[in-house]
Amino acid sequence: MSQLDSKSADDEEFVDNLEESVVEAEETDEAEEPKTKKPRRNVVLEKPRANVYTVMLLASFFAIVLGCLCLYGEMQQYGMDRSARSAK
């Protein structure tokens, strides 16, 4: 019986020490949470180069502008008459 008593006392001491270390760990974690990474101010980033998608965007923009100019020219032939009565 004495072995069981000493073992249970050792177990209780171990559990108490474990609980204290867990509480200490939680306190240090709470203290570290507010720290955030600060952005580096001395980093120089290059301007991204134009890729194929940028070129396609520009090509489609110019195609739309050209289409609008062609539509304007066609409408001038009919005197800006949107109903196109003279075309019938």
PDB file of N, CA and C in Angstrom:
ATOM      1  N   MET A   1       0.808  -1.199   0.000  1.00  0.00           N
ATOM      2  CA  MET A   1       0.000   0.000   0.000  1.00  0.00           C
ATOM      3  C   MET A   1       0.846   1.255   0.000  1.00  0.00           C
ATOM      4  N   SER A   2       1.986   1.193   0.593  1.00  0.00           N
ATOM      5  CA  SER A   2       2.836   2.377   0.661  1.00  0.00           C
ATOM      6  C   SER A   2       3.337   2.764  -0.717  1.00  0.00           C
ATOM      7  N   GLN A   3       3.515   1.751  -1.571  1.00  0.00           N
ATOM      8  CA  GLN A   3       3.949   2.067  -2.936  1.00  0.00           C
ATOM      9  C   GLN A   3       2.844   2.814  -3.688  1.00  0.00           C
ATOM     10  N   LEU A   4       1.603   2.414  -3.502  1.00  0.00           N
ATOM     11  CA  LEU A   4       0.493   3.083  -4.159  1.00  0.00           C
ATOM     12  C   LEU A   4       0.335   4.501  -3.647  1.00  0.00           C
ATOM     13  N   ASP A   5       0.501   4.705  -2.351  1.00  0.00           N
ATOM     14  CA  ASP A   5       0.386   6.040  -1.790  1.00  0.00           C
ATOM     15  C   ASP A   5       1.476   6.958  -2.328  1.00  0.00           C
ATOM     16  N   SER A   6       2.693   6.468  -2.403  1.00  0.00           N
ATOM     17  CA  SER A   6       3.792   7.295  -2.902  1.00  0.00           C
ATOM     18  C   SER A   6       3.619   7.558  -4.399  1.00  0.00           C
ATOM     19  N   LYS A   7       3.089   6.558  -5.091  1.00  0.00           N
ATOM     20  CA  LYS A   7       2.871   6.734  -6.535  1.00  0.00           C
ATOM     21  C   LYS A   7       1.782   7.762  -6.791  1.00  0.00           C
ATOM     22  N   SER A   8       0.698   7.703  -6.041  1.00  0.00           N
ATOM     23  CA  SER A   8      -0.371   8.670  -6.247  1.00  0.00           C
ATOM     24  C   SER A   8       0.070  10.075  -5.849  1.00  0.00           C
ATOM     25  N   ALA A   9       0.932  10.192  -4.844  1.00  0.00           N
ATOM     26  CA  ALA A   9       1.466  11.498  -4.459  1.00  0.00           C
ATOM     27  C   ALA A   9       2.354  12.047  -5.560  1.00  0.00           C
ATOM     28  N   ASP A  10       3.170  11.172  -6.147  1.00  0.00           N
ATOM     29  CA  ASP A  10       4.018  11.598  -7.266  1.00  0.00           C
ATOM     30  C   ASP A  10       3.166  12.021  -8.461  1.00  0.00           C
ATOM     31  N   ASP A  11       2.092  11.269  -8.712  1.00  0.00           N
ATOM     32  CA  ASP A  11       1.197  11.601  -9.811  1.00  0.00           C
ATOM     33  C   ASP A  11       0.531  12.957  -9.588  1.00  0.00           C
ATOM     34  N   GLU A  12       0.099  13.209  -8.365  1.00  0.00           N
ATOM     35  CA  GLU A  12      -0.527  14.490  -8.056  1.00  0.00           C
ATOM     36  C   GLU A  12       0.453  15.647  -8.234  1.00  0.00           C
ATOM     37  N   GLU A  13       1.683  15.434  -7.805  1.00  0.00           N
ATOM     38  CA  GLU A  13       2.709  16.476  -7.958  1.00  0.00           C
ATOM     39  C   GLU A  13       2.988  16.722  -9.441  1.00  0.00           C
ATOM     40  N   PHE A  14       3.035  15.623 -10.226  1.00  0.00           N
ATOM     41  CA  PHE A  14       3.271  15.752 -11.663  1.00  0.00           C
ATOM     42  C   PHE A  14       2.133  16.530 -12.330  1.00  0.00           C
ATOM     43  N   VAL A  15       0.899  16.222 -11.950  1.00  0.00           N
ATOM     44  CA  VAL A  15      -0.261  16.903 -12.530  1.00  0.00           C
ATOM     45  C   VAL A  15      -0.238  18.380 -12.148  1.00  0.00           C
ATOM     46  N   ASP A  16       0.102  18.693 -10.900  1.00  0.00           N
ATOM     47  CA  ASP A  16       0.176  20.093 -10.476  1.00  0.00           C
ATOM     48  C   ASP A  16       1.229  20.848 -11.270  1.00  0.00           C
ATOM     49  N   ASN A  17       2.407  20.245 -11.450  1.00  0.00           N
ATOM     50  CA  ASN A  17       3.475  20.884 -12.227  1.00  0.00           C
ATOM     51  C   ASN A  17       3.056  21.069 -13.682  1.00  0.00           C
ATOM     52  N   LEU A  18       2.352  20.087 -14.218  1.00  0.00           N
ATOM     53  CA  LEU A  18       1.879  20.166 -15.596  1.00  0.00           C
ATOM     54  C   LEU A  18       0.861  21.291 -15.751  1.00  0.00           C
ATOM     55  N   GLU A  19      -0.066  21.409 -14.828  1.00  0.00           N
ATOM     56  CA  GLU A  19      -1.060  22.474 -14.886  1.00  0.00           C
ATOM     57  C   GLU A  19      -0.403  23.853 -14.788  1.00  0.00           C
ATOM     58  N   GLU A  20       0.610  23.988 -13.937  1.00  0.00           N
ATOM     59  CA  GLU A  20       1.313  25.266 -13.820  1.00  0.00           C
ATOM     60  C   GLU A  20       2.034  25.617 -15.110  1.00  0.00           C
ATOM     61  N   SER A  21       2.640  24.633 -15.747  1.00  0.00           N
ATOM     62  CA  SER A  21       3.354  24.921 -16.995  1.00  0.00           C
ATOM     63  C   SER A  21       2.376  25.277 -18.115  1.00  0.00           C
ATOM     64  N   VAL A  22       1.192  24.669 -18.108  1.00  0.00           N
ATOM     65  CA  VAL A  22       0.187  24.998 -19.118  1.00  0.00           C
ATOM     66  C   VAL A  22      -0.297  26.423 -18.922  1.00  0.00           C
ATOM     67  N   VAL A  23      -0.535  26.823 -17.681  1.00  0.00           N
ATOM     68  CA  VAL A  23      -0.977  28.188 -17.391  1.00  0.00           C
ATOM     69  C   VAL A  23       0.093  29.185 -17.804  1.00  0.00           C
ATOM     70  N   GLU A  24       1.358  28.884 -17.524  1.00  0.00           N
ATOM     71  CA  GLU A  24       2.451  29.778 -17.921  1.00  0.00           C
ATOM     72  C   GLU A  24       2.541  29.883 -19.434  1.00  0.00           C
ATOM     73  N   ALA A  25       2.357  28.757 -20.115  1.00  0.00           N
ATOM     74  CA  ALA A  25       2.421  28.774 -21.575  1.00  0.00           C
ATOM     75  C   ALA A  25       1.283  29.612 -22.159  1.00  0.00           C
ATOM     76  N   GLU A  26       0.100  29.507 -21.579  1.00  0.00           N
ATOM     77  CA  GLU A  26      -1.025  30.296 -22.064  1.00  0.00           C
ATOM     78  C   GLU A  26      -0.785  31.778 -21.844  1.00  0.00           C
ATOM     79  N   GLU A  27      -0.184  32.133 -20.721  1.00  0.00           N
ATOM     80  CA  GLU A  27       0.100  33.544 -20.449  1.00  0.00           C
ATOM     81  C   GLU A  27       1.114  34.097 -21.427  1.00  0.00           C
ATOM     82  N   THR A  28       2.126  33.320 -21.775  1.00  0.00           N
ATOM     83  CA  THR A  28       3.118  33.807 -22.740  1.00  0.00           C
ATOM     84  C   THR A  28       2.520  33.888 -24.137  1.00  0.00           C
ATOM     85  N   ASP A  29       1.614  32.969 -24.493  1.00  0.00           N
ATOM     86  CA  ASP A  29       0.958  33.032 -25.801  1.00  0.00           C
ATOM     87  C   ASP A  29       0.103  34.283 -25.912  1.00  0.00           C
ATOM     88  N   GLU A  30      -0.601  34.640 -24.849  1.00  0.00           N
ATOM     89  CA  GLU A  30      -1.432  35.834 -24.874  1.00  0.00           C
ATOM     90  C   GLU A  30      -0.577  37.083 -25.006  1.00  0.00           C
ATOM     91  N   ALA A  31       0.594  37.072 -24.422  1.00  0.00           N
ATOM     92  CA  ALA A  31       1.473  38.233 -24.501  1.00  0.00           C
ATOM     93  C   ALA A  31       2.058  38.376 -25.906  1.00  0.00           C
ATOM     94  N   GLU A  32       2.222  37.272 -26.628  1.00  0.00           N
ATOM     95  CA  GLU A  32       2.835  37.317 -27.953  1.00  0.00           C
ATOM     96  C   GLU A  32       1.827  37.597 -29.059  1.00  0.00           C
ATOM     97  N   GLU A  33       0.546  37.408 -28.834  1.00  0.00           N
ATOM     98  CA  GLU A  33      -0.452  37.571 -29.887  1.00  0.00           C
ATOM     99  C   GLU A  33      -0.530  38.977 -30.474  1.00  0.00           C
ATOM    100  N   PRO A  34      -0.450  40.050 -29.676  1.00  0.00           N
ATOM    101  CA  PRO A  34      -0.590  41.369 -30.273  1.00  0.00           C
ATOM    102  C   PRO A  34       0.537  41.747 -31.230  1.00  0.00           C
ATOM    103  N   LYS A  35       1.648  41.060 -31.160  1.00  0.00           N
ATOM    104  CA  LYS A  35       2.759  41.387 -32.051  1.00  0.00           C
ATOM    105  C   LYS A  35       2.395  41.018 -33.474  1.00  0.00           C
ATOM    106  N   THR A  36       2.544  41.953 -34.370  1.00  0.00           N
ATOM    107  CA  THR A  36       2.295  41.693 -35.782  1.00  0.00           C
ATOM    108  C   THR A  36       3.543  42.028 -36.566  1.00  0.00           C
ATOM    109  N   LYS A  37       3.641  41.463 -37.725  1.00  0.00           N
ATOM    110  CA  LYS A  37       4.796  41.747 -38.567  1.00  0.00           C
ATOM    111  C   LYS A  37       4.662  43.144 -39.149  1.00  0.00           C
ATOM    112  N   LYS A  38       5.691  43.895 -39.022  1.00  0.00           N
ATOM    113  CA  LYS A  38       5.694  45.241 -39.597  1.00  0.00           C
ATOM    114  C   LYS A  38       6.189  45.151 -41.032  1.00  0.00           C
ATOM    115  N   PRO A  39       5.567  45.897 -41.936  1.00  0.00           N
ATOM    116  CA  PRO A  39       6.023  45.844 -43.326  1.00  0.00           C
ATOM    117  C   PRO A  39       7.410  46.458 -43.455  1.00  0.00           C
ATOM    118  N   ARG A  40       8.169  45.887 -44.329  1.00  0.00           N
ATOM    119  CA  ARG A  40       9.515  46.424 -44.579  1.00  0.00           C
ATOM    120  C   ARG A  40       9.397  47.696 -45.389  1.00  0.00           C
ATOM    121  N   ARG A  41      10.093  48.696 -44.969  1.00  0.00           N
ATOM    122  CA  ARG A  41      10.035  49.968 -45.679  1.00  0.00           C
ATOM    123  C   ARG A  41      11.194  50.146 -46.642  1.00  0.00           C
ATOM    124  N   ASN A  42      12.206  49.329 -46.536  1.00  0.00           N
ATOM    125  CA  ASN A  42      13.373  49.507 -47.387  1.00  0.00           C
ATOM    126  C   ASN A  42      13.363  48.572 -48.594  1.00  0.00           C
ATOM    127  N   VAL A  43      12.223  47.963 -48.906  1.00  0.00           N
ATOM    128  CA  VAL A  43      12.125  47.062 -50.039  1.00  0.00           C
ATOM    129  C   VAL A  43      11.623  47.852 -51.245  1.00  0.00           C
ATOM    130  N   VAL A  44      12.334  47.761 -52.343  1.00  0.00           N
ATOM    131  CA  VAL A  44      11.953  48.443 -53.572  1.00  0.00           C
ATOM    132  C   VAL A  44      11.385  47.400 -54.525  1.00  0.00           C
ATOM    133  N   LEU A  45      10.159  47.615 -54.946  1.00  0.00           N
ATOM    134  CA  LEU A  45       9.515  46.689 -55.871  1.00  0.00           C
ATOM    135  C   LEU A  45       9.544  47.256 -57.272  1.00  0.00           C
ATOM    136  N   GLU A  46       9.813  46.384 -58.230  1.00  0.00           N
ATOM    137  CA  GLU A  46       9.812  46.819 -59.619  1.00  0.00           C
ATOM    138  C   GLU A  46       8.382  46.900 -60.127  1.00  0.00           C
ATOM    139  N   LYS A  47       8.153  47.820 -61.049  1.00  0.00           N
ATOM    140  CA  LYS A  47       6.852  47.921 -61.688  1.00  0.00           C
ATOM    141  C   LYS A  47       6.664  46.680 -62.557  1.00  0.00           C
ATOM    142  N   PRO A  48       5.503  46.020 -62.444  1.00  0.00           N
ATOM    143  CA  PRO A  48       5.310  44.808 -63.239  1.00  0.00           C
ATOM    144  C   PRO A  48       5.318  45.115 -64.730  1.00  0.00           C
ATOM    145  N   ARG A  49       5.948  44.227 -65.494  1.00  0.00           N
ATOM    146  CA  ARG A  49       5.997  44.404 -66.938  1.00  0.00           C
ATOM    147  C   ARG A  49       4.669  44.011 -67.562  1.00  0.00           C
ATOM    148  N   ALA A  50       4.395  44.602 -68.717  1.00  0.00           N
ATOM    149  CA  ALA A  50       3.170  44.273 -69.446  1.00  0.00           C
ATOM    150  C   ALA A  50       3.274  42.843 -69.957  1.00  0.00           C
ATOM    151  N   ASN A  51       2.220  42.078 -69.762  1.00  0.00           N
ATOM    152  CA  ASN A  51       2.212  40.710 -70.259  1.00  0.00           C
ATOM    153  C   ASN A  51       1.184  40.585 -71.376  1.00  0.00           C
ATOM    154  N   VAL A  52       0.912  39.382 -71.819  1.00  0.00           N
ATOM    155  CA  VAL A  52       0.033  39.164 -72.964  1.00  0.00           C
ATOM    156  C   VAL A  52      -1.392  39.640 -72.665  1.00  0.00           C
ATOM    157  N   TYR A  53      -1.821  39.541 -71.412  1.00  0.00           N
ATOM    158  CA  TYR A  53      -3.179  39.968 -71.072  1.00  0.00           C
ATOM    159  C   TYR A  53      -3.330  41.492 -71.146  1.00  0.00           C
ATOM    160  N   THR A  54      -2.281  42.207 -70.810  1.00  0.00           N
ATOM    161  CA  THR A  54      -2.309  43.661 -70.940  1.00  0.00           C
ATOM    162  C   THR A  54      -2.405  44.055 -72.408  1.00  0.00           C
ATOM    163  N   VAL A  55      -1.684  43.374 -73.246  1.00  0.00           N
ATOM    164  CA  VAL A  55      -1.715  43.659 -74.691  1.00  0.00           C
ATOM    165  C   VAL A  55      -3.106  43.341 -75.251  1.00  0.00           C
ATOM    166  N   MET A  56      -3.707  42.240 -74.818  1.00  0.00           N
ATOM    167  CA  MET A  56      -5.054  41.889 -75.284  1.00  0.00           C
ATOM    168  C   MET A  56      -6.070  42.927 -74.813  1.00  0.00           C
ATOM    169  N   LEU A  57      -5.903  43.447 -73.604  1.00  0.00           N
ATOM    170  CA  LEU A  57      -6.803  44.479 -73.093  1.00  0.00           C
ATOM    171  C   LEU A  57      -6.707  45.745 -73.938  1.00  0.00           C
ATOM    172  N   LEU A  58      -5.492  46.141 -74.264  1.00  0.00           N
ATOM    173  CA  LEU A  58      -5.304  47.332 -75.106  1.00  0.00           C
ATOM    174  C   LEU A  58      -5.865  47.106 -76.510  1.00  0.00           C
ATOM    175  N   ALA A  59      -5.658  45.926 -77.071  1.00  0.00           N
ATOM    176  CA  ALA A  59      -6.162  45.637 -78.417  1.00  0.00           C
ATOM    177  C   ALA A  59      -7.697  45.685 -78.429  1.00  0.00           C
ATOM    178  N   SER A  60      -8.327  45.142 -77.412  1.00  0.00           N
ATOM    179  CA  SER A  60      -9.794  45.178 -77.378  1.00  0.00           C
ATOM    180  C   SER A  60     -10.307  46.600 -77.170  1.00  0.00           C
ATOM    181  N   PHE A  61      -9.602  47.405 -76.383  1.00  0.00           N
ATOM    182  CA  PHE A  61     -10.000  48.801 -76.199  1.00  0.00           C
ATOM    183  C   PHE A  61      -9.969  49.546 -77.529  1.00  0.00           C
ATOM    184  N   PHE A  62      -8.887  49.382 -78.280  1.00  0.00           N
ATOM    185  CA  PHE A  62      -8.771  50.083 -79.563  1.00  0.00           C
ATOM    186  C   PHE A  62      -9.790  49.552 -80.577  1.00  0.00           C
ATOM    187  N   ALA A  63     -10.133  48.276 -80.504  1.00  0.00           N
ATOM    188  CA  ALA A  63     -11.148  47.725 -81.399  1.00  0.00           C
ATOM    189  C   ALA A  63     -12.519  48.339 -81.094  1.00  0.00           C
ATOM    190  N   ILE A  64     -12.826  48.524 -79.822  1.00  0.00           N
ATOM    191  CA  ILE A  64     -14.108  49.143 -79.457  1.00  0.00           C
ATOM    192  C   ILE A  64     -14.146  50.597 -79.894  1.00  0.00           C
ATOM    193  N   VAL A  65     -13.041  51.318 -79.716  1.00  0.00           N
ATOM    194  CA  VAL A  65     -12.980  52.723 -80.150  1.00  0.00           C
ATOM    195  C   VAL A  65     -13.143  52.801 -81.668  1.00  0.00           C
ATOM    196  N   LEU A  66     -12.484  51.924 -82.402  1.00  0.00           N
ATOM    197  CA  LEU A  66     -12.601  51.909 -83.860  1.00  0.00           C
ATOM    198  C   LEU A  66     -14.041  51.589 -84.280  1.00  0.00           C
ATOM    199  N   GLY A  67     -14.686  50.651 -83.588  1.00  0.00           N
ATOM    200  CA  GLY A  67     -16.082  50.321 -83.880  1.00  0.00           C
ATOM    201  C   GLY A  67     -17.000  51.504 -83.628  1.00  0.00           C
ATOM    202  N   CYS A  68     -16.758  52.252 -82.556  1.00  0.00           N
ATOM    203  CA  CYS A  68     -17.573  53.439 -82.271  1.00  0.00           C
ATOM    204  C   CYS A  68     -17.391  54.501 -83.355  1.00  0.00           C
ATOM    205  N   LEU A  69     -16.159  54.678 -83.826  1.00  0.00           N
ATOM    206  CA  LEU A  69     -15.902  55.652 -84.895  1.00  0.00           C
ATOM    207  C   LEU A  69     -16.587  55.233 -86.195  1.00  0.00           C
ATOM    208  N   CYS A  70     -16.562  53.936 -86.502  1.00  0.00           N
ATOM    209  CA  CYS A  70     -17.244  53.454 -87.707  1.00  0.00           C
ATOM    210  C   CYS A  70     -18.756  53.650 -87.596  1.00  0.00           C
ATOM    211  N   LEU A  71     -19.309  53.400 -86.427  1.00  0.00           N
ATOM    212  CA  LEU A  71     -20.738  53.605 -86.217  1.00  0.00           C
ATOM    213  C   LEU A  71     -21.097  55.076 -86.366  1.00  0.00           C
ATOM    214  N   TYR A  72     -20.252  55.946 -85.846  1.00  0.00           N
ATOM    215  CA  TYR A  72     -20.484  57.386 -85.977  1.00  0.00           C
ATOM    216  C   TYR A  72     -20.475  57.788 -87.459  1.00  0.00           C
ATOM    217  N   GLY A  73     -19.520  57.249 -88.233  1.00  0.00           N
ATOM    218  CA  GLY A  73     -19.461  57.543 -89.666  1.00  0.00           C
ATOM    219  C   GLY A  73     -20.693  57.058 -90.402  1.00  0.00           C
ATOM    220  N   GLU A  74     -21.174  55.868 -90.069  1.00  0.00           N
ATOM    221  CA  GLU A  74     -22.387  55.348 -90.702  1.00  0.00           C
ATOM    222  C   GLU A  74     -23.599  56.204 -90.361  1.00  0.00           C
ATOM    223  N   MET A  75     -23.683  56.656 -89.108  1.00  0.00           N
ATOM    224  CA  MET A  75     -24.837  57.460 -88.705  1.00  0.00           C
ATOM    225  C   MET A  75     -24.805  58.831 -89.378  1.00  0.00           C
ATOM    226  N   GLN A  76     -23.618  59.332 -89.703  1.00  0.00           N
ATOM    227  CA  GLN A  76     -23.536  60.620 -90.394  1.00  0.00           C
ATOM    228  C   GLN A  76     -24.084  60.511 -91.814  1.00  0.00           C
ATOM    229  N   GLN A  77     -23.972  59.354 -92.429  1.00  0.00           N
ATOM    230  CA  GLN A  77     -24.505  59.179 -93.772  1.00  0.00           C
ATOM    231  C   GLN A  77     -26.023  59.355 -93.791  1.00  0.00           C
ATOM    232  N   TYR A  78     -26.674  59.033 -92.702  1.00  0.00           N
ATOM    233  CA  TYR A  78     -28.125  59.148 -92.623  1.00  0.00           C
ATOM    234  C   TYR A  78     -28.545  60.375 -91.836  1.00  0.00           C
ATOM    235  N   GLY A  79     -27.653  61.317 -91.623  1.00  0.00           N
ATOM    236  CA  GLY A  79     -27.988  62.563 -90.940  1.00  0.00           C
ATOM    237  C   GLY A  79     -28.318  62.340 -89.469  1.00  0.00           C
ATOM    238  N   MET A  80     -27.692  61.385 -88.859  1.00  0.00           N
ATOM    239  CA  MET A  80     -27.898  61.047 -87.435  1.00  0.00           C
ATOM    240  C   MET A  80     -29.348  60.681 -87.145  1.00  0.00           C
ATOM    241  N   ASP A  81     -30.019  60.129 -88.135  1.00  0.00           N
ATOM    242  CA  ASP A  81     -31.397  59.681 -87.973  1.00  0.00           C
ATOM    243  C   ASP A  81     -31.369  58.257 -87.438  1.00  0.00           C
ATOM    244  N   ARG A  82     -31.705  58.104 -86.140  1.00  0.00           N
ATOM    245  CA  ARG A  82     -31.610  56.793 -85.518  1.00  0.00           C
ATOM    246  C   ARG A  82     -32.704  55.830 -85.966  1.00  0.00           C
ATOM    247  N   SER A  83     -33.780  56.349 -86.420  1.00  0.00           N
ATOM    248  CA  SER A  83     -34.845  55.447 -86.866  1.00  0.00           C
ATOM    249  C   SER A  83     -34.587  54.961 -88.290  1.00  0.00           C
ATOM    250  N   ALA A  84     -33.657  55.605 -89.004  1.00  0.00           N
ATOM    251  CA  ALA A  84     -33.255  55.224 -90.366  1.00  0.00           C
ATOM    252  C   ALA A  84     -34.430  55.196 -91.322  1.00  0.00           C
ATOM    253  N   ARG A  85     -35.263  56.244 -91.288  1.00  0.00           N
ATOM    254  CA  ARG A  85     -36.413  56.344 -92.200  1.00  0.00           C
ATOM    255  C   ARG A  85     -35.946  56.464 -93.649  1.00  0.00           C
ATOM    256  N   SER A  86     -34.809  57.159 -93.836  1.00  0.00           N
ATOM    257  CA  SER A  86     -34.339  57.354 -95.207  1.00  0.00           C
ATOM    258  C   SER A  86     -33.764  56.064 -95.799  1.00  0.00           C
ATOM    259  N   ALA A  87     -33.439  55.087 -94.967  1.00  0.00           N
ATOM    260  CA  ALA A  87     -32.874  53.835 -95.465  1.00  0.00           C
ATOM    261  C   ALA A  87     -33.960  52.896 -95.955  1.00  0.00           C
ATOM    262  N   LYS A  88     -35.212  53.120 -95.609  1.00  0.00           N
ATOM    263  CA  LYS A  88     -36.303  52.219 -96.016  1.00  0.00           C
ATOM    264  C   LYS A  88     -36.677  52.443 -97.403  1.00  0.00           C
TER     265      LYS A  88
END
